[in-house]
Amino acid sequence: MDNNVVDIVTNLATPIVDAHKFELVDVEFVQEAKSWYLRLYIDKTGGITINECALVSDEVGEKLDELDPDPIPQAYFLEVSSPGAERPLKKEQDYERALNHYIHVSLYQKLDGEKAYEGTMTDLTPDELTLKVNLKGRIKDLTIPRDKIAKARLAIKF
């Protein structure tokens, strides 16, 4: 059911977000403790404001209330926010925008003894990406098959 809710909300929210010239980055429907949360992450060039999040929240909330039958029968909290500085990379466009940026990649299985890497993405193809990583003081180019990536996001370099 959770994936169905995400699909329904994505289809409902996309035209609303697009009309404001924002980007719908992600939608998630998750249970945390005893509460359910429907989260929409939106963005635009230069960043999204709290007022823009509130605007989208109001419009999406109204549209959800109009749906019959209700795709979310249980009580839930609707949250609309920015994906933040460590924005997830989900769509191809996200990866393309992250080229030459510092990212964090988590893998399904170990590659060269590690399941997570951070580095600057220097190359991107449909099948793999290349990170310039610092491994024990040595700079190395690491090529990662994209089908081995569990999650990727922008990262802040300290």
Protein backbone atom coordinates (compact mmCIF):
# COMPACT_ATOMS: atom_id res chain seq x y z
CA MET A 1 0.00 0.00 0.00
CA ASP A 2 2.83 2.43 0.81
CA ASN A 3 4.12 2.43 -2.78
CA ASN A 4 0.58 2.97 -4.04
CA VAL A 5 0.22 6.02 -1.76
CA VAL A 6 3.55 7.39 -2.99
CA ASP A 7 2.47 6.92 -6.63
CA ILE A 8 -0.93 8.55 -6.07
CA VAL A 9 0.56 11.51 -4.19
CA THR A 10 3.36 11.92 -6.73
CA ASN A 11 0.81 12.09 -9.56
CA LEU A 12 -1.37 14.50 -7.58
CA ALA A 13 1.47 16.77 -6.38
CA THR A 14 3.55 16.99 -9.57
CA PRO A 15 1.24 19.42 -11.44
CA ILE A 16 0.92 21.59 -8.32
CA VAL A 17 4.68 21.75 -7.81
CA ASP A 18 5.32 22.25 -11.54
CA ALA A 19 2.81 25.14 -11.67
CA HIS A 20 4.99 27.01 -9.17
CA LYS A 21 8.12 26.15 -11.16
CA PHE A 22 9.46 24.02 -8.30
CA GLU A 23 10.80 20.50 -8.51
CA LEU A 24 9.26 17.54 -6.71
CA VAL A 25 12.42 15.83 -5.43
CA ASP A 26 10.86 12.95 -3.51
CA VAL A 27 7.70 11.64 -1.84
CA GLU A 28 7.73 9.20 1.05
CA PHE A 29 5.02 7.65 3.19
CA VAL A 30 6.52 6.19 6.35
CA GLN A 31 5.53 5.08 9.81
CA GLU A 32 7.69 6.34 12.66
CA ALA A 33 6.79 5.05 16.10
CA LYS A 34 2.98 5.07 16.05
CA SER A 35 2.52 7.96 13.59
CA TRP A 36 2.39 8.01 9.79
CA TYR A 37 4.10 10.77 7.79
CA LEU A 38 3.52 11.79 4.20
CA ARG A 39 6.60 13.81 3.23
CA LEU A 40 7.11 15.79 0.06
CA TYR A 41 10.51 17.26 -0.68
CA ILE A 42 10.53 20.21 -3.07
CA ASP A 43 13.28 22.44 -4.40
CA LYS A 44 14.12 25.14 -6.91
CA THR A 45 17.25 26.90 -8.09
CA GLY A 46 18.47 29.04 -5.22
CA GLY A 47 16.58 26.96 -2.64
CA ILE A 48 13.02 26.76 -1.40
CA THR A 49 11.53 28.96 1.33
CA ILE A 50 9.30 28.02 4.24
CA ASN A 51 6.47 30.04 2.69
CA GLU A 52 6.79 28.09 -0.56
CA CYS A 53 6.66 24.83 1.41
CA ALA A 54 3.52 26.05 3.20
CA LEU A 55 1.91 27.02 -0.12
CA VAL A 56 2.51 23.56 -1.61
CA SER A 57 1.38 21.89 1.62
CA ASP A 58 -1.93 23.79 1.54
CA GLU A 59 -2.58 23.01 -2.13
CA VAL A 60 -1.61 19.33 -1.90
CA GLY A 61 -3.63 18.95 1.33
CA GLU A 62 -6.73 20.38 -0.36
CA LYS A 63 -6.37 18.02 -3.33
CA LEU A 64 -5.86 15.01 -1.05
CA ASP A 65 -9.01 15.93 0.90
CA GLU A 66 -10.99 15.91 -2.37
CA LEU A 67 -10.00 12.36 -3.33
CA ASP A 68 -12.73 9.75 -3.01
CA PRO A 69 -12.02 7.07 -2.00
CA ASP A 70 -9.33 8.34 0.34
CA PRO A 71 -6.02 6.71 -0.65
CA ILE A 72 -4.72 7.15 2.93
CA PRO A 73 -7.36 5.86 5.35
CA GLN A 74 -5.18 6.16 8.47
CA ALA A 75 -4.32 9.44 10.19
CA TYR A 76 -1.04 10.98 9.00
CA PHE A 77 1.01 14.16 9.12
CA LEU A 78 1.67 16.00 5.84
CA GLU A 79 5.12 17.57 5.74
CA VAL A 80 6.53 19.59 2.84
CA SER A 81 10.16 20.64 3.05
CA SER A 82 13.43 21.20 1.26
CA PRO A 83 15.60 18.14 0.67
CA GLY A 84 18.39 20.07 2.40
CA ALA A 85 22.06 20.47 1.63
CA GLU A 86 22.53 16.70 1.52
CA ARG A 87 19.83 16.20 -1.06
CA PRO A 88 19.27 12.60 -2.23
CA LEU A 89 20.18 11.64 -5.78
CA LYS A 90 17.25 9.64 -7.11
CA LYS A 91 16.56 10.63 -10.69
CA GLU A 92 19.00 10.73 -13.58
CA GLN A 93 18.75 14.52 -13.58
CA ASP A 94 19.88 14.55 -9.91
CA TYR A 95 23.02 12.58 -10.81
CA GLU A 96 23.74 14.83 -13.80
CA ARG A 97 23.45 17.96 -11.62
CA ALA A 98 25.79 16.37 -9.05
CA LEU A 99 28.59 15.89 -11.57
CA ASN A 100 31.74 17.58 -10.21
CA HIS A 101 30.16 17.83 -6.74
CA TYR A 102 31.05 16.05 -3.52
CA ILE A 103 28.68 13.13 -2.88
CA HIS A 104 28.14 10.21 -0.49
CA VAL A 105 27.39 6.77 -1.97
CA SER A 106 26.13 3.76 0.01
CA LEU A 107 26.46 0.37 -1.65
CA TYR A 108 24.49 -2.87 -1.44
CA GLN A 109 27.73 -4.81 -1.01
CA LYS A 110 31.36 -3.99 -0.35
CA LEU A 111 33.54 -2.61 -3.11
CA ASP A 112 37.27 -2.57 -2.35
CA GLY A 113 36.42 -3.47 1.24
CA GLU A 114 33.95 -0.63 1.92
CA LYS A 115 30.16 -0.19 1.66
CA ALA A 116 30.21 3.63 1.59
CA TYR A 117 32.35 6.26 -0.11
CA GLU A 118 32.50 10.04 -0.28
CA GLY A 119 34.20 11.93 -3.04
CA THR A 120 33.80 14.23 -6.00
CA MET A 121 31.88 12.65 -8.86
CA THR A 122 34.10 13.22 -11.89
CA ASP A 123 32.35 11.02 -14.47
CA LEU A 124 28.89 9.60 -15.04
CA THR A 125 27.63 7.06 -17.57
CA PRO A 126 24.40 5.07 -17.65
CA ASP A 127 26.21 2.10 -16.07
CA GLU A 128 28.71 3.62 -13.63
CA LEU A 129 30.02 6.71 -11.92
CA THR A 130 33.53 7.70 -10.97
CA LEU A 131 34.43 9.29 -7.66
CA LYS A 132 37.70 10.99 -6.80
CA VAL A 133 38.15 9.72 -3.24
CA ASN A 134 40.74 10.17 -0.51
CA LEU A 135 41.72 6.72 0.75
CA LYS A 136 44.15 6.92 3.66
CA GLY A 137 45.75 10.09 2.32
CA ARG A 138 45.94 8.92 -1.31
CA ILE A 139 43.69 10.40 -3.98
CA LYS A 140 42.21 7.67 -6.15
CA ASP A 141 39.61 7.45 -8.92
CA LEU A 142 37.02 4.82 -7.96
CA THR A 143 34.55 3.54 -10.54
CA ILE A 144 31.28 2.30 -9.03
CA PRO A 145 28.70 0.28 -11.00
CA ARG A 146 25.39 2.12 -10.64
CA ASP A 147 23.44 -1.08 -10.03
CA LYS A 148 25.51 -1.54 -6.84
CA ILE A 149 24.39 1.84 -5.40
CA ALA A 150 21.81 1.56 -2.63
CA LYS A 151 21.62 5.31 -1.96
CA ALA A 152 23.42 8.43 -3.09
CA ARG A 153 23.22 12.02 -1.89
CA LEU A 154 25.06 15.29 -2.00
CA ALA A 155 27.49 15.58 0.89
CA ILE A 156 29.18 18.36 2.79
CA LYS A 157 32.95 18.09 2.81
CA PHE A 158 34.58 18.80 6.18
